[in-house]
Each structure stands twice: as structure tokens, then as C-alpha cells.
Amino acid sequence: MKRPVQELREARGESRSDLAEALGVTLDEVTDWEQGRAQPGVARMRALTAHFDVRAALINLEPRSPPSIADRLGELL
């Protein structure tokens, strides 16, 4: 199952700053990946897969869609 960068990062107990430092990238780059505004290039993707010890196919880089109204109502009820 594909997992977003944010989920992988949080599962390791890392902040965005921690991940940026570990990969030698800027905090803005990590934020952009997590929010779907940008995708890492080949070298950065290799660094991500090595850091999280997963295959690239298991990292979800799709923009996150907002929750549907039904999902939001389900959370409130």
C-alpha cells in the first residue's frame, strides 16, 4: 500500500526539519512534497527510499485531496 511522505515521516517520529536535515534538502522541499506541490527528482527519491527503507513504488506523492463532506460528517457524529 502506498504511503504519503508525511505518514512515513511521522511513523518514524520525525519532524519535517528532521527529514530535511537527514536528506540534505530544505524544509520547504519536504513541505512541498507532503502537500503535493512538488515531487522529488530522481536523486531525492533515491534518498527518500533509502531513508525510509521502502521501494519508490510504495511512496505516495499524489496531492492530498480534502476529505469529503461525508467523511467530515462521519468524524463529527
N, C-alpha and C. Protein backbone atom coordinates (compact mmCIF):
# COMPACT_ATOMS: atom_id res chain seq x y z
N MET A 1 0.84 -1.18 0.00
CA MET A 1 0.00 0.00 0.00
C MET A 1 0.89 1.25 0.00
N LYS A 2 0.56 2.20 -0.86
CA LYS A 2 1.33 3.44 -0.93
C LYS A 2 1.07 4.28 0.30
N ARG A 3 2.13 4.92 0.79
CA ARG A 3 2.01 5.79 1.96
C ARG A 3 2.60 7.15 1.63
N PRO A 4 1.92 8.22 2.05
CA PRO A 4 2.45 9.57 1.82
C PRO A 4 3.73 9.80 2.62
N VAL A 5 4.55 10.71 2.14
CA VAL A 5 5.80 11.06 2.81
C VAL A 5 5.51 11.47 4.26
N GLN A 6 4.48 12.26 4.47
CA GLN A 6 4.16 12.71 5.82
C GLN A 6 3.89 11.53 6.75
N GLU A 7 3.15 10.57 6.28
CA GLU A 7 2.84 9.39 7.10
C GLU A 7 4.10 8.59 7.41
N LEU A 8 4.96 8.41 6.42
CA LEU A 8 6.22 7.70 6.64
C LEU A 8 7.09 8.44 7.65
N ARG A 9 7.13 9.75 7.51
CA ARG A 9 7.94 10.58 8.41
C ARG A 9 7.40 10.51 9.84
N GLU A 10 6.11 10.66 9.98
CA GLU A 10 5.51 10.64 11.32
C GLU A 10 5.65 9.28 11.99
N ALA A 11 5.60 8.21 11.19
CA ALA A 11 5.76 6.86 11.75
C ALA A 11 7.14 6.69 12.38
N ARG A 12 8.10 7.45 11.89
CA ARG A 12 9.47 7.40 12.46
C ARG A 12 9.67 8.43 13.57
N GLY A 13 8.62 9.21 13.85
CA GLY A 13 8.73 10.22 14.89
C GLY A 13 9.58 11.41 14.49
N GLU A 14 9.67 11.67 13.20
CA GLU A 14 10.49 12.77 12.70
C GLU A 14 9.66 14.00 12.40
N SER A 15 10.26 15.14 12.59
CA SER A 15 9.64 16.39 12.15
C SER A 15 10.04 16.61 10.69
N ARG A 16 9.40 17.58 10.06
CA ARG A 16 9.81 17.93 8.70
C ARG A 16 11.26 18.39 8.69
N SER A 17 11.64 19.13 9.71
CA SER A 17 13.02 19.61 9.80
C SER A 17 14.00 18.45 9.92
N ASP A 18 13.63 17.44 10.71
CA ASP A 18 14.48 16.26 10.86
C ASP A 18 14.70 15.58 9.50
N LEU A 19 13.61 15.41 8.76
CA LEU A 19 13.71 14.74 7.46
C LEU A 19 14.54 15.59 6.50
N ALA A 20 14.30 16.89 6.48
CA ALA A 20 15.06 17.77 5.59
C ALA A 20 16.55 17.67 5.89
N GLU A 21 16.90 17.69 7.16
CA GLU A 21 18.30 17.60 7.55
C GLU A 21 18.90 16.25 7.16
N ALA A 22 18.16 15.18 7.39
CA ALA A 22 18.65 13.83 7.07
C ALA A 22 18.91 13.66 5.58
N LEU A 23 18.09 14.32 4.76
CA LEU A 23 18.22 14.18 3.31
C LEU A 23 19.07 15.26 2.67
N GLY A 24 19.42 16.28 3.44
CA GLY A 24 20.22 17.38 2.89
C GLY A 24 19.42 18.26 1.95
N VAL A 25 18.14 18.44 2.28
CA VAL A 25 17.26 19.29 1.47
C VAL A 25 16.70 20.39 2.36
N THR A 26 15.95 21.30 1.77
CA THR A 26 15.36 22.37 2.57
C THR A 26 14.03 21.92 3.17
N LEU A 27 13.65 22.60 4.22
CA LEU A 27 12.36 22.36 4.85
C LEU A 27 11.23 22.61 3.85
N ASP A 28 11.39 23.63 3.02
CA ASP A 28 10.38 23.94 2.01
C ASP A 28 10.19 22.79 1.03
N GLU A 29 11.28 22.10 0.66
CA GLU A 29 11.15 20.96 -0.25
C GLU A 29 10.30 19.86 0.38
N VAL A 30 10.60 19.54 1.62
CA VAL A 30 9.83 18.50 2.31
C VAL A 30 8.36 18.90 2.40
N THR A 31 8.11 20.14 2.76
CA THR A 31 6.73 20.64 2.87
C THR A 31 6.02 20.53 1.52
N ASP A 32 6.70 20.92 0.45
CA ASP A 32 6.10 20.84 -0.89
C ASP A 32 5.79 19.40 -1.28
N TRP A 33 6.66 18.44 -0.96
CA TRP A 33 6.38 17.03 -1.25
C TRP A 33 5.15 16.57 -0.49
N GLU A 34 5.09 16.92 0.78
CA GLU A 34 3.99 16.45 1.62
C GLU A 34 2.66 17.06 1.20
N GLN A 35 2.68 18.27 0.70
CA GLN A 35 1.45 18.93 0.31
C GLN A 35 1.12 18.77 -1.17
N GLY A 36 1.93 18.00 -1.87
CA GLY A 36 1.66 17.71 -3.27
C GLY A 36 1.94 18.84 -4.23
N ARG A 37 2.70 19.83 -3.78
CA ARG A 37 3.03 20.96 -4.66
C ARG A 37 4.24 20.67 -5.53
N ALA A 38 5.02 19.67 -5.16
CA ALA A 38 6.23 19.31 -5.93
C ALA A 38 6.53 17.84 -5.70
N GLN A 39 7.29 17.29 -6.61
CA GLN A 39 7.74 15.91 -6.47
C GLN A 39 9.26 15.89 -6.49
N PRO A 40 9.85 14.99 -5.71
CA PRO A 40 11.31 14.92 -5.68
C PRO A 40 11.85 14.40 -7.01
N GLY A 41 13.04 14.89 -7.37
CA GLY A 41 13.71 14.37 -8.55
C GLY A 41 14.27 12.98 -8.25
N VAL A 42 14.94 12.41 -9.19
CA VAL A 42 15.47 11.05 -9.07
C VAL A 42 16.40 10.91 -7.86
N ALA A 43 17.34 11.83 -7.73
CA ALA A 43 18.30 11.73 -6.62
C ALA A 43 17.60 11.86 -5.27
N ARG A 44 16.65 12.78 -5.18
CA ARG A 44 15.91 12.96 -3.93
C ARG A 44 15.03 11.74 -3.63
N MET A 45 14.45 11.17 -4.68
CA MET A 45 13.62 9.98 -4.49
C MET A 45 14.46 8.82 -3.98
N ARG A 46 15.66 8.69 -4.51
CA ARG A 46 16.56 7.63 -4.01
C ARG A 46 16.88 7.86 -2.54
N ALA A 47 17.10 9.11 -2.17
CA ALA A 47 17.38 9.43 -0.77
C ALA A 47 16.17 9.10 0.11
N LEU A 48 14.98 9.42 -0.36
CA LEU A 48 13.76 9.10 0.40
C LEU A 48 13.60 7.59 0.58
N THR A 49 13.78 6.84 -0.49
CA THR A 49 13.60 5.39 -0.39
C THR A 49 14.64 4.77 0.54
N ALA A 50 15.85 5.27 0.49
CA ALA A 50 16.90 4.76 1.39
C ALA A 50 16.59 5.15 2.84
N HIS A 51 16.15 6.36 3.03
CA HIS A 51 15.86 6.85 4.39
C HIS A 51 14.73 6.06 5.03
N PHE A 52 13.66 5.81 4.26
CA PHE A 52 12.51 5.09 4.81
C PHE A 52 12.59 3.59 4.60
N ASP A 53 13.61 3.14 3.87
CA ASP A 53 13.81 1.72 3.58
C ASP A 53 12.58 1.09 2.91
N VAL A 54 12.09 1.79 1.87
CA VAL A 54 10.96 1.31 1.09
C VAL A 54 11.27 1.49 -0.39
N ARG A 55 10.55 0.78 -1.23
CA ARG A 55 10.67 0.96 -2.67
C ARG A 55 9.94 2.24 -3.09
N ALA A 56 10.39 2.85 -4.14
CA ALA A 56 9.78 4.09 -4.63
C ALA A 56 8.30 3.90 -4.92
N ALA A 57 7.93 2.73 -5.40
CA ALA A 57 6.52 2.46 -5.73
C ALA A 57 5.62 2.50 -4.50
N LEU A 58 6.21 2.46 -3.31
CA LEU A 58 5.41 2.48 -2.09
C LEU A 58 5.28 3.87 -1.47
N ILE A 59 5.86 4.87 -2.11
CA ILE A 59 5.75 6.25 -1.62
C ILE A 59 4.71 6.97 -2.46
N ASN A 60 3.68 7.47 -1.81
CA ASN A 60 2.60 8.18 -2.49
C ASN A 60 2.96 9.66 -2.54
N LEU A 61 3.10 10.18 -3.75
CA LEU A 61 3.42 11.60 -3.93
C LEU A 61 2.27 12.37 -4.54
N GLU A 62 1.09 11.75 -4.57
CA GLU A 62 -0.09 12.41 -5.11
C GLU A 62 -0.54 13.51 -4.16
N PRO A 63 -1.06 14.61 -4.70
CA PRO A 63 -1.59 15.65 -3.82
C PRO A 63 -2.71 15.08 -2.97
N ARG A 64 -2.74 15.50 -1.74
CA ARG A 64 -3.80 15.05 -0.85
C ARG A 64 -5.07 15.81 -1.19
N SER A 65 -6.16 15.06 -1.31
CA SER A 65 -7.44 15.72 -1.55
C SER A 65 -8.11 15.99 -0.22
N PRO A 66 -8.87 17.07 -0.15
CA PRO A 66 -9.55 17.35 1.11
C PRO A 66 -10.57 16.27 1.40
N PRO A 67 -10.89 16.03 2.66
CA PRO A 67 -11.87 15.00 2.98
C PRO A 67 -13.24 15.38 2.43
N SER A 68 -14.00 14.38 2.04
CA SER A 68 -15.34 14.64 1.52
C SER A 68 -16.25 15.10 2.66
N ILE A 69 -17.38 15.65 2.29
CA ILE A 69 -18.36 16.09 3.30
C ILE A 69 -18.81 14.89 4.12
N ALA A 70 -19.02 13.74 3.47
CA ALA A 70 -19.44 12.54 4.19
C ALA A 70 -18.39 12.12 5.21
N ASP A 71 -17.12 12.19 4.83
CA ASP A 71 -16.04 11.84 5.76
C ASP A 71 -16.03 12.80 6.94
N ARG A 72 -16.19 14.07 6.66
CA ARG A 72 -16.16 15.07 7.73
C ARG A 72 -17.36 14.90 8.66
N LEU A 73 -18.53 14.60 8.13
CA LEU A 73 -19.71 14.37 8.96
C LEU A 73 -19.52 13.11 9.81
N GLY A 74 -18.93 12.09 9.21
CA GLY A 74 -18.66 10.85 9.96
C GLY A 74 -17.76 11.09 11.15
N GLU A 75 -16.82 11.99 11.01
CA GLU A 75 -15.91 12.32 12.11
C GLU A 75 -16.63 13.06 13.23
N LEU A 76 -17.64 13.84 12.85
CA LEU A 76 -18.36 14.64 13.84
C LEU A 76 -19.42 13.85 14.59
N LEU A 77 -19.93 12.82 13.96
CA LEU A 77 -21.02 12.03 14.58
C LEU A 77 -20.53 10.92 15.46
